[in-house]
Full PDB file with SEQRES, HELIX, SHEET, SSBOND, CRYST1, ORIGX, SCALE, CONECT and MASTER records, all heavy atoms in Angstrom:
SEQRES   1 A   35  ARG PHE THR ILE ALA ARG ASP ASN VAL LYS ASN THR VAL          
SEQRES   2 A   35  PHE LEU GLN MET ASN SER LEU LYS PRO GLU ASP THR ALA          
SEQRES   3 A   35  VAL TYR TYR CYS TYR VAL TYR ASN GLY                          
HELIX    1 AA1 PRO A   22  ASP A   24  5                                   3    
SHEET    1 AA1 2 PHE A   2  ASP A   7  0                                        
SHEET    2 AA1 2 THR A  12  MET A  17 -1                                        
CRYST1    1.000    1.000    1.000  90.00  90.00  90.00 P 1           1          
ORIGX1      1.000000  0.000000  0.000000        0.00000                         
ORIGX2      0.000000  1.000000  0.000000        0.00000                         
ORIGX3      0.000000  0.000000  1.000000        0.00000                         
SCALE1      1.000000  0.000000  0.000000        0.00000                         
SCALE2      0.000000  1.000000  0.000000        0.00000                         
SCALE3      0.000000  0.000000  1.000000        0.00000                         
ATOM      1  N   ARG A   1    -146.766  71.743 111.016  1.00  0.00           N  
ATOM      2  CA  ARG A   1    -146.124  72.396 112.120  1.00  0.00           C  
ATOM      3  C   ARG A   1    -144.772  71.639 112.317  1.00  0.00           C  
ATOM      4  O   ARG A   1    -143.771  72.385 112.762  1.00  0.00           O  
ATOM      5  CB  ARG A   1    -146.898  72.334 113.386  1.00  0.00           C  
ATOM      6  CG  ARG A   1    -148.248  72.972 113.242  1.00  0.00           C  
ATOM      7  CD  ARG A   1    -148.914  73.014 114.678  1.00  0.00           C  
ATOM      8  NE  ARG A   1    -149.263  71.778 115.140  1.00  0.00           N  
ATOM      9  CZ  ARG A   1    -148.828  71.239 116.299  1.00  0.00           C  
ATOM     10  NH1 ARG A   1    -148.047  71.982 117.110  1.00  0.00           N  
ATOM     11  NH2 ARG A   1    -149.175  70.013 116.718  1.00  0.00           N  
ATOM     12  N   PHE A   2    -144.660  70.403 112.078  1.00  0.00           N  
ATOM     13  CA  PHE A   2    -143.461  69.602 112.301  1.00  0.00           C  
ATOM     14  C   PHE A   2    -142.812  69.251 111.005  1.00  0.00           C  
ATOM     15  O   PHE A   2    -143.514  68.955 109.972  1.00  0.00           O  
ATOM     16  CB  PHE A   2    -143.665  68.361 113.040  1.00  0.00           C  
ATOM     17  CG  PHE A   2    -144.150  68.555 114.572  1.00  0.00           C  
ATOM     18  CD1 PHE A   2    -144.461  69.836 115.057  1.00  0.00           C  
ATOM     19  CD2 PHE A   2    -144.273  67.467 115.436  1.00  0.00           C  
ATOM     20  CE1 PHE A   2    -144.862  69.922 116.400  1.00  0.00           C  
ATOM     21  CE2 PHE A   2    -144.631  67.581 116.725  1.00  0.00           C  
ATOM     22  CZ  PHE A   2    -144.922  68.907 117.188  1.00  0.00           C  
ATOM     23  N   THR A   3    -141.447  69.088 110.960  1.00  0.00           N  
ATOM     24  CA  THR A   3    -140.774  68.714 109.758  1.00  0.00           C  
ATOM     25  C   THR A   3    -139.689  67.686 110.196  1.00  0.00           C  
ATOM     26  O   THR A   3    -138.835  67.948 111.141  1.00  0.00           O  
ATOM     27  CB  THR A   3    -140.075  69.839 109.053  1.00  0.00           C  
ATOM     28  OG1 THR A   3    -141.188  70.819 108.712  1.00  0.00           O  
ATOM     29  CG2 THR A   3    -139.425  69.358 107.806  1.00  0.00           C  
ATOM     30  N   ILE A   4    -139.646  66.512 109.603  1.00  0.00           N  
ATOM     31  CA  ILE A   4    -138.555  65.559 109.862  1.00  0.00           C  
ATOM     32  C   ILE A   4    -137.553  65.729 108.714  1.00  0.00           C  
ATOM     33  O   ILE A   4    -137.844  65.975 107.467  1.00  0.00           O  
ATOM     34  CB  ILE A   4    -139.197  64.110 109.865  1.00  0.00           C  
ATOM     35  CG1 ILE A   4    -138.145  63.136 110.227  1.00  0.00           C  
ATOM     36  CG2 ILE A   4    -139.813  63.751 108.561  1.00  0.00           C  
ATOM     37  CD1 ILE A   4    -138.699  61.782 110.509  1.00  0.00           C  
ATOM     38  N   ALA A   5    -136.251  65.453 109.116  1.00  0.00           N  
ATOM     39  CA  ALA A   5    -135.209  65.487 108.106  1.00  0.00           C  
ATOM     40  C   ALA A   5    -134.062  64.606 108.522  1.00  0.00           C  
ATOM     41  O   ALA A   5    -133.924  64.346 109.756  1.00  0.00           O  
ATOM     42  CB  ALA A   5    -134.789  66.909 107.885  1.00  0.00           C  
ATOM     43  N   ARG A   6    -133.250  64.120 107.644  1.00  0.00           N  
ATOM     44  CA  ARG A   6    -132.094  63.300 107.911  1.00  0.00           C  
ATOM     45  C   ARG A   6    -130.876  63.956 107.382  1.00  0.00           C  
ATOM     46  O   ARG A   6    -130.955  64.641 106.410  1.00  0.00           O  
ATOM     47  CB  ARG A   6    -132.316  61.907 107.364  1.00  0.00           C  
ATOM     48  CG  ARG A   6    -132.323  61.865 105.828  1.00  0.00           C  
ATOM     49  CD  ARG A   6    -132.643  60.432 105.289  1.00  0.00           C  
ATOM     50  NE  ARG A   6    -131.566  59.435 105.686  1.00  0.00           N  
ATOM     51  CZ  ARG A   6    -131.720  58.131 105.281  1.00  0.00           C  
ATOM     52  NH1 ARG A   6    -132.792  57.744 104.740  1.00  0.00           N  
ATOM     53  NH2 ARG A   6    -130.685  57.312 105.513  1.00  0.00           N  
ATOM     54  N   ASP A   7    -129.759  63.795 108.083  1.00  0.00           N  
ATOM     55  CA  ASP A   7    -128.529  64.277 107.667  1.00  0.00           C  
ATOM     56  C   ASP A   7    -127.577  63.080 107.642  1.00  0.00           C  
ATOM     57  O   ASP A   7    -127.064  62.630 108.790  1.00  0.00           O  
ATOM     58  CB  ASP A   7    -128.042  65.346 108.540  1.00  0.00           C  
ATOM     59  CG  ASP A   7    -126.702  66.049 108.120  1.00  0.00           C  
ATOM     60  OD1 ASP A   7    -125.837  65.346 107.495  1.00  0.00           O  
ATOM     61  OD2 ASP A   7    -126.480  67.182 108.288  1.00  0.00           O  
ATOM     62  N   ASN A   8    -127.265  62.530 106.562  1.00  0.00           N  
ATOM     63  CA  ASN A   8    -126.428  61.324 106.396  1.00  0.00           C  
ATOM     64  C   ASN A   8    -124.971  61.566 106.783  1.00  0.00           C  
ATOM     65  O   ASN A   8    -124.191  60.687 107.126  1.00  0.00           O  
ATOM     66  CB  ASN A   8    -126.531  60.679 105.030  1.00  0.00           C  
ATOM     67  CG  ASN A   8    -127.857  60.082 104.782  1.00  0.00           C  
ATOM     68  OD1 ASN A   8    -128.602  59.669 105.723  1.00  0.00           O  
ATOM     69  ND2 ASN A   8    -128.303  59.964 103.521  1.00  0.00           N  
ATOM     70  N   VAL A   9    -124.599  62.784 106.666  1.00  0.00           N  
ATOM     71  CA  VAL A   9    -123.087  63.153 106.950  1.00  0.00           C  
ATOM     72  C   VAL A   9    -122.976  63.170 108.456  1.00  0.00           C  
ATOM     73  O   VAL A   9    -121.982  62.703 109.039  1.00  0.00           O  
ATOM     74  CB  VAL A   9    -122.801  64.466 106.394  1.00  0.00           C  
ATOM     75  CG1 VAL A   9    -121.306  64.918 106.905  1.00  0.00           C  
ATOM     76  CG2 VAL A   9    -122.788  64.418 104.941  1.00  0.00           C  
ATOM     77  N   LYS A  10    -123.942  63.756 109.178  1.00  0.00           N  
ATOM     78  CA  LYS A  10    -123.971  63.836 110.628  1.00  0.00           C  
ATOM     79  C   LYS A  10    -124.596  62.667 111.316  1.00  0.00           C  
ATOM     80  O   LYS A  10    -124.538  62.462 112.597  1.00  0.00           O  
ATOM     81  CB  LYS A  10    -124.623  65.113 111.106  1.00  0.00           C  
ATOM     82  CG  LYS A  10    -123.965  66.332 110.616  1.00  0.00           C  
ATOM     83  CD  LYS A  10    -124.626  67.600 111.192  1.00  0.00           C  
ATOM     84  CE  LYS A  10    -124.001  68.893 110.790  1.00  0.00           C  
ATOM     85  NZ  LYS A  10    -124.668  70.085 111.180  1.00  0.00           N  
ATOM     86  N   ASN A  11    -124.983  61.616 110.572  1.00  0.00           N  
ATOM     87  CA  ASN A  11    -125.766  60.518 111.135  1.00  0.00           C  
ATOM     88  C   ASN A  11    -126.783  60.887 112.045  1.00  0.00           C  
ATOM     89  O   ASN A  11    -126.936  60.334 113.202  1.00  0.00           O  
ATOM     90  CB  ASN A  11    -124.756  59.552 111.757  1.00  0.00           C  
ATOM     91  CG  ASN A  11    -123.708  58.984 110.743  1.00  0.00           C  
ATOM     92  OD1 ASN A  11    -124.048  58.830 109.614  1.00  0.00           O  
ATOM     93  ND2 ASN A  11    -122.490  58.842 111.218  1.00  0.00           N  
ATOM     94  N   THR A  12    -127.595  61.819 111.681  1.00  0.00           N  
ATOM     95  CA  THR A  12    -128.610  62.363 112.637  1.00  0.00           C  
ATOM     96  C   THR A  12    -130.030  62.565 111.935  1.00  0.00           C  
ATOM     97  O   THR A  12    -130.047  62.952 110.761  1.00  0.00           O  
ATOM     98  CB  THR A  12    -128.118  63.815 113.152  1.00  0.00           C  
ATOM     99  OG1 THR A  12    -126.954  63.625 113.842  1.00  0.00           O  
ATOM    100  CG2 THR A  12    -129.092  64.389 114.161  1.00  0.00           C  
ATOM    101  N   VAL A  13    -130.946  62.327 112.646  1.00  0.00           N  
ATOM    102  CA  VAL A  13    -132.425  62.578 112.248  1.00  0.00           C  
ATOM    103  C   VAL A  13    -132.892  63.724 113.096  1.00  0.00           C  
ATOM    104  O   VAL A  13    -132.771  63.743 114.310  1.00  0.00           O  
ATOM    105  CB  VAL A  13    -133.264  61.350 112.419  1.00  0.00           C  
ATOM    106  CG1 VAL A  13    -134.688  61.572 111.972  1.00  0.00           C  
ATOM    107  CG2 VAL A  13    -132.664  60.119 111.799  1.00  0.00           C  
ATOM    108  N   PHE A  14    -133.559  64.662 112.472  1.00  0.00           N  
ATOM    109  CA  PHE A  14    -134.025  65.884 113.112  1.00  0.00           C  
ATOM    110  C   PHE A  14    -135.526  65.906 113.103  1.00  0.00           C  
ATOM    111  O   PHE A  14    -136.174  65.422 112.159  1.00  0.00           O  
ATOM    112  CB  PHE A  14    -133.558  67.164 112.511  1.00  0.00           C  
ATOM    113  CG  PHE A  14    -132.141  67.276 112.450  1.00  0.00           C  
ATOM    114  CD1 PHE A  14    -131.305  66.916 111.403  1.00  0.00           C  
ATOM    115  CD2 PHE A  14    -131.419  67.760 113.600  1.00  0.00           C  
ATOM    116  CE1 PHE A  14    -129.980  67.054 111.375  1.00  0.00           C  
ATOM    117  CE2 PHE A  14    -130.031  67.880 113.643  1.00  0.00           C  
ATOM    118  CZ  PHE A  14    -129.325  67.524 112.580  1.00  0.00           C  
ATOM    119  N   LEU A  15    -136.106  66.555 114.075  1.00  0.00           N  
ATOM    120  CA  LEU A  15    -137.550  66.913 114.110  1.00  0.00           C  
ATOM    121  C   LEU A  15    -137.665  68.350 114.547  1.00  0.00           C  
ATOM    122  O   LEU A  15    -137.424  68.710 115.674  1.00  0.00           O  
ATOM    123  CB  LEU A  15    -138.338  65.968 115.030  1.00  0.00           C  
ATOM    124  CG  LEU A  15    -139.840  66.196 114.985  1.00  0.00           C  
ATOM    125  CD1 LEU A  15    -140.440  65.760 113.685  1.00  0.00           C  
ATOM    126  CD2 LEU A  15    -140.563  65.441 116.208  1.00  0.00           C  
ATOM    127  N   GLN A  16    -138.042  69.195 113.512  1.00  0.00           N  
ATOM    128  CA  GLN A  16    -138.274  70.571 113.788  1.00  0.00           C  
ATOM    129  C   GLN A  16    -139.748  70.821 114.127  1.00  0.00           C  
ATOM    130  O   GLN A  16    -140.594  70.370 113.345  1.00  0.00           O  
ATOM    131  CB  GLN A  16    -137.960  71.430 112.521  1.00  0.00           C  
ATOM    132  CG  GLN A  16    -138.165  72.928 112.689  1.00  0.00           C  
ATOM    133  CD  GLN A  16    -137.323  73.611 113.731  1.00  0.00           C  
ATOM    134  OE1 GLN A  16    -136.125  73.274 113.709  1.00  0.00           O  
ATOM    135  NE2 GLN A  16    -137.818  74.474 114.531  1.00  0.00           N  
ATOM    136  N   MET A  17    -139.993  71.277 115.225  1.00  0.00           N  
ATOM    137  CA  MET A  17    -141.306  71.522 115.796  1.00  0.00           C  
ATOM    138  C   MET A  17    -141.683  72.980 116.104  1.00  0.00           C  
ATOM    139  O   MET A  17    -141.028  73.674 116.766  1.00  0.00           O  
ATOM    140  CB  MET A  17    -141.510  70.746 117.140  1.00  0.00           C  
ATOM    141  CG  MET A  17    -141.047  69.325 117.054  1.00  0.00           C  
ATOM    142  SD  MET A  17    -141.459  68.394 118.587  1.00  0.00           S  
ATOM    143  CE  MET A  17    -140.440  69.205 119.769  1.00  0.00           C  
ATOM    144  N   ASN A  18    -142.590  73.402 115.307  1.00  0.00           N  
ATOM    145  CA  ASN A  18    -143.007  74.817 115.310  1.00  0.00           C  
ATOM    146  C   ASN A  18    -144.480  74.923 115.837  1.00  0.00           C  
ATOM    147  O   ASN A  18    -145.188  73.984 115.810  1.00  0.00           O  
ATOM    148  CB  ASN A  18    -142.863  75.584 114.019  1.00  0.00           C  
ATOM    149  CG  ASN A  18    -141.463  75.532 113.438  1.00  0.00           C  
ATOM    150  OD1 ASN A  18    -140.504  75.626 114.238  1.00  0.00           O  
ATOM    151  ND2 ASN A  18    -141.352  75.427 112.149  1.00  0.00           N  
ATOM    152  N   SER A  19    -144.782  76.044 116.238  1.00  0.00           N  
ATOM    153  CA  SER A  19    -146.196  76.448 116.766  1.00  0.00           C  
ATOM    154  C   SER A  19    -146.687  75.424 117.712  1.00  0.00           C  
ATOM    155  O   SER A  19    -147.690  74.850 117.611  1.00  0.00           O  
ATOM    156  CB  SER A  19    -147.193  76.494 115.542  1.00  0.00           C  
ATOM    157  OG  SER A  19    -146.763  77.435 114.600  1.00  0.00           O  
ATOM    158  N   LEU A  20    -145.801  75.147 118.703  1.00  0.00           N  
ATOM    159  CA  LEU A  20    -146.055  74.050 119.656  1.00  0.00           C  
ATOM    160  C   LEU A  20    -147.325  74.349 120.598  1.00  0.00           C  
ATOM    161  O   LEU A  20    -147.622  75.614 120.871  1.00  0.00           O  
ATOM    162  CB  LEU A  20    -144.906  73.774 120.606  1.00  0.00           C  
ATOM    163  CG  LEU A  20    -143.796  73.122 119.897  1.00  0.00           C  
ATOM    164  CD1 LEU A  20    -142.440  73.234 120.609  1.00  0.00           C  
ATOM    165  CD2 LEU A  20    -144.133  71.567 119.765  1.00  0.00           C  
ATOM    166  N   LYS A  21    -148.037  73.295 120.857  1.00  0.00           N  
ATOM    167  CA  LYS A  21    -149.238  73.371 121.714  1.00  0.00           C  
ATOM    168  C   LYS A  21    -149.068  72.527 122.938  1.00  0.00           C  
ATOM    169  O   LYS A  21    -148.344  71.600 122.916  1.00  0.00           O  
ATOM    170  CB  LYS A  21    -150.395  72.781 120.802  1.00  0.00           C  
ATOM    171  CG  LYS A  21    -150.616  73.462 119.521  1.00  0.00           C  
ATOM    172  CD  LYS A  21    -151.752  72.814 118.621  1.00  0.00           C  
ATOM    173  CE  LYS A  21    -152.020  73.471 117.338  1.00  0.00           C  
ATOM    174  NZ  LYS A  21    -152.932  72.851 116.538  1.00  0.00           N  
ATOM    175  N   PRO A  22    -149.769  72.878 123.970  1.00  0.00           N  
ATOM    176  CA  PRO A  22    -149.727  72.021 125.228  1.00  0.00           C  
ATOM    177  C   PRO A  22    -150.018  70.527 124.906  1.00  0.00           C  
ATOM    178  O   PRO A  22    -149.411  69.710 125.556  1.00  0.00           O  
ATOM    179  CB  PRO A  22    -150.957  72.610 126.023  1.00  0.00           C  
ATOM    180  CG  PRO A  22    -150.925  74.062 125.604  1.00  0.00           C  
ATOM    181  CD  PRO A  22    -150.708  73.955 124.147  1.00  0.00           C  
ATOM    182  N   GLU A  23    -150.869  70.190 123.929  1.00  0.00           N  
ATOM    183  CA  GLU A  23    -151.137  68.809 123.654  1.00  0.00           C  
ATOM    184  C   GLU A  23    -149.862  68.052 122.978  1.00  0.00           C  
ATOM    185  O   GLU A  23    -149.949  66.895 122.785  1.00  0.00           O  
ATOM    186  CB  GLU A  23    -152.346  68.662 122.760  1.00  0.00           C  
ATOM    187  CG  GLU A  23    -152.386  69.546 121.516  1.00  0.00           C  
ATOM    188  CD  GLU A  23    -153.158  70.843 121.777  1.00  0.00           C  
ATOM    189  OE1 GLU A  23    -153.081  71.454 122.837  1.00  0.00           O  
ATOM    190  OE2 GLU A  23    -153.935  71.187 120.863  1.00  0.00           O  
ATOM    191  N   ASP A  24    -148.848  68.856 122.618  1.00  0.00           N  
ATOM    192  CA  ASP A  24    -147.644  68.254 121.977  1.00  0.00           C  
ATOM    193  C   ASP A  24    -146.760  67.716 123.171  1.00  0.00           C  
ATOM    194  O   ASP A  24    -145.712  67.054 122.950  1.00  0.00           O  
ATOM    195  CB  ASP A  24    -146.944  69.248 121.228  1.00  0.00           C  
ATOM    196  CG  ASP A  24    -147.609  69.699 119.962  1.00  0.00           C  
ATOM    197  OD1 ASP A  24    -148.299  68.775 119.313  1.00  0.00           O  
ATOM    198  OD2 ASP A  24    -147.694  70.822 119.646  1.00  0.00           O  
ATOM    199  N   THR A  25    -147.129  68.106 124.402  1.00  0.00           N  
ATOM    200  CA  THR A  25    -146.332  67.578 125.580  1.00  0.00           C  
ATOM    201  C   THR A  25    -146.249  66.071 125.660  1.00  0.00           C  
ATOM    202  O   THR A  25    -147.307  65.432 125.570  1.00  0.00           O  
ATOM    203  CB  THR A  25    -146.920  68.018 126.893  1.00  0.00           C  
ATOM    204  OG1 THR A  25    -146.762  69.559 126.907  1.00  0.00           O  
ATOM    205  CG2 THR A  25    -146.176  67.548 128.104  1.00  0.00           C  
ATOM    206  N   ALA A  26    -145.132  65.468 125.687  1.00  0.00           N  
ATOM    207  CA  ALA A  26    -144.861  64.082 125.686  1.00  0.00           C  
ATOM    208  C   ALA A  26    -143.377  63.812 125.719  1.00  0.00           C  
ATOM    209  O   ALA A  26    -142.602  64.671 125.564  1.00  0.00           O  
ATOM    210  CB  ALA A  26    -145.495  63.467 124.300  1.00  0.00           C  
ATOM    211  N   VAL A  27    -143.006  62.493 125.862  1.00  0.00           N  
ATOM    212  CA  VAL A  27    -141.714  62.011 125.652  1.00  0.00           C  
ATOM    213  C   VAL A  27    -141.631  61.565 124.194  1.00  0.00           C  
ATOM    214  O   VAL A  27    -142.442  60.816 123.712  1.00  0.00           O  
ATOM    215  CB  VAL A  27    -141.370  60.817 126.542  1.00  0.00           C  
ATOM    216  CG1 VAL A  27    -140.033  60.352 126.277  1.00  0.00           C  
ATOM    217  CG2 VAL A  27    -141.509  61.222 127.970  1.00  0.00           C  
ATOM    218  N   TYR A  28    -140.599  62.109 123.438  1.00  0.00           N  
ATOM    219  CA  TYR A  28    -140.433  61.850 121.988  1.00  0.00           C  
ATOM    220  C   TYR A  28    -139.246  60.913 121.909  1.00  0.00           C  
ATOM    221  O   TYR A  28    -138.271  61.012 122.417  1.00  0.00           O  
ATOM    222  CB  TYR A  28    -140.114  63.145 121.325  1.00  0.00           C  
ATOM    223  CG  TYR A  28    -141.330  64.058 121.152  1.00  0.00           C  
ATOM    224  CD1 TYR A  28    -141.900  64.696 122.311  1.00  0.00           C  
ATOM    225  CD2 TYR A  28    -141.897  64.204 119.845  1.00  0.00           C  
ATOM    226  CE1 TYR A  28    -143.069  65.427 122.101  1.00  0.00           C  
ATOM    227  CE2 TYR A  28    -142.986  64.918 119.686  1.00  0.00           C  
ATOM    228  CZ  TYR A  28    -143.554  65.557 120.753  1.00  0.00           C  
ATOM    229  OH  TYR A  28    -144.637  66.345 120.631  1.00  0.00           O  
ATOM    230  N   TYR A  29    -139.533  59.817 121.048  1.00  0.00           N  
ATOM    231  CA  TYR A  29    -138.633  58.754 120.826  1.00  0.00           C  
ATOM    232  C   TYR A  29    -138.255  58.761 119.330  1.00  0.00           C  
ATOM    233  O   TYR A  29    -139.182  58.769 118.477  1.00  0.00           O  
ATOM    234  CB  TYR A  29    -139.148  57.429 121.191  1.00  0.00           C  
ATOM    235  CG  TYR A  29    -139.575  57.386 122.702  1.00  0.00           C  
ATOM    236  CD1 TYR A  29    -140.807  57.655 123.102  1.00  0.00           C  
ATOM    237  CD2 TYR A  29    -138.600  56.786 123.576  1.00  0.00           C  
ATOM    238  CE1 TYR A  29    -141.169  57.451 124.360  1.00  0.00           C  
ATOM    239  CE2 TYR A  29    -139.002  56.633 124.789  1.00  0.00           C  
ATOM    240  CZ  TYR A  29    -140.271  57.039 125.327  1.00  0.00           C  
ATOM    241  OH  TYR A  29    -140.630  56.869 126.603  1.00  0.00           O  
ATOM    242  N   CYS A  30    -137.061  58.522 119.004  1.00  0.00           N  
ATOM    243  CA  CYS A  30    -136.629  58.347 117.620  1.00  0.00           C  
ATOM    244  C   CYS A  30    -136.325  56.892 117.262  1.00  0.00           C  
ATOM    245  O   CYS A  30    -136.044  56.099 118.282  1.00  0.00           O  
ATOM    246  CB  CYS A  30    -135.451  59.183 117.128  1.00  0.00           C  
ATOM    247  SG  CYS A  30    -133.859  58.666 117.880  1.00  0.00           S  
ATOM    248  N   TYR A  31    -136.394  56.428 116.094  1.00  0.00           N  
ATOM    249  CA  TYR A  31    -136.158  55.124 115.713  1.00  0.00           C  
ATOM    250  C   TYR A  31    -135.549  55.165 114.243  1.00  0.00           C  
ATOM    251  O   TYR A  31    -135.811  55.984 113.569  1.00  0.00           O  
ATOM    252  CB  TYR A  31    -137.412  54.200 115.779  1.00  0.00           C  
ATOM    253  CG  TYR A  31    -138.431  54.527 114.741  1.00  0.00           C  
ATOM    254  CD1 TYR A  31    -138.473  53.916 113.542  1.00  0.00           C  
ATOM    255  CD2 TYR A  31    -139.372  55.564 114.955  1.00  0.00           C  
ATOM    256  CE1 TYR A  31    -139.364  54.199 112.532  1.00  0.00           C  
ATOM    257  CE2 TYR A  31    -140.318  55.937 113.976  1.00  0.00           C  
ATOM    258  CZ  TYR A  31    -140.281  55.275 112.779  1.00  0.00           C  
ATOM    259  OH  TYR A  31    -141.249  55.607 111.714  1.00  0.00           O  
ATOM    260  N   VAL A  32    -134.869  54.040 114.010  1.00  0.00           N  
ATOM    261  CA  VAL A  32    -134.434  53.695 112.679  1.00  0.00           C  
ATOM    262  C   VAL A  32    -134.640  52.322 112.390  1.00  0.00           C  
ATOM    263  O   VAL A  32    -134.749  51.399 113.254  1.00  0.00           O  
ATOM    264  CB  VAL A  32    -132.943  54.099 112.439  1.00  0.00           C  
ATOM    265  CG1 VAL A  32    -132.628  55.559 112.564  1.00  0.00           C  
ATOM    266  CG2 VAL A  32    -131.950  53.186 113.376  1.00  0.00           C  
ATOM    267  N   TYR A  33    -134.881  51.992 111.099  1.00  0.00           N  
ATOM    268  CA  TYR A  33    -135.170  50.676 110.613  1.00  0.00           C  
ATOM    269  C   TYR A  33    -134.302  50.278 109.452  1.00  0.00           C  
ATOM    270  O   TYR A  33    -134.279  51.085 108.431  1.00  0.00           O  
ATOM    271  CB  TYR A  33    -136.646  50.599 110.299  1.00  0.00           C  
ATOM    272  CG  TYR A  33    -137.135  49.319 109.662  1.00  0.00           C  
ATOM    273  CD1 TYR A  33    -137.250  48.090 110.571  1.00  0.00           C  
ATOM    274  CD2 TYR A  33    -137.533  49.154 108.367  1.00  0.00           C  
ATOM    275  CE1 TYR A  33    -137.702  46.948 110.051  1.00  0.00           C  
ATOM    276  CE2 TYR A  33    -137.949  47.929 107.896  1.00  0.00           C  
ATOM    277  CZ  TYR A  33    -138.114  46.844 108.747  1.00  0.00           C  
ATOM    278  OH  TYR A  33    -138.436  45.689 108.215  1.00  0.00           O  
ATOM    279  N   ASN A  34    -133.721  49.078 109.487  1.00  0.00           N  
ATOM    280  CA  ASN A  34    -132.795  48.761 108.366  1.00  0.00           C  
ATOM    281  C   ASN A  34    -133.308  47.694 107.518  1.00  0.00           C  
ATOM    282  O   ASN A  34    -132.605  47.071 106.768  1.00  0.00           O  
ATOM    283  CB  ASN A  34    -131.425  48.297 109.023  1.00  0.00           C  
ATOM    284  CG  ASN A  34    -131.537  47.072 109.909  1.00  0.00           C  
ATOM    285  OD1 ASN A  34    -132.639  46.442 110.049  1.00  0.00           O  
ATOM    286  ND2 ASN A  34    -130.408  46.587 110.445  1.00  0.00           N  
ATOM    287  N   GLY A  35    -134.634  47.486 107.567  1.00  0.00           N  
ATOM    288  CA  GLY A  35    -135.148  46.478 106.756  1.00  0.00           C  
ATOM    289  C   GLY A  35    -135.318  45.042 107.428  1.00  0.00           C  
ATOM    290  O   GLY A  35    -135.994  44.128 106.945  1.00  0.00           O  
TER     291      GLY A  35                                                      
MASTER        0    0    0    1    2    0    0    6  290    1    0    3          
END                                                                             
């Protein structure tokens, strides 16, 4: 249902969420890790 993707040109990480359910209700946090 969900798909993660990165765009290095836009410096952006995306999360496409389809077929959402009530149990998906939450605060969503993104993170990056440089090693």
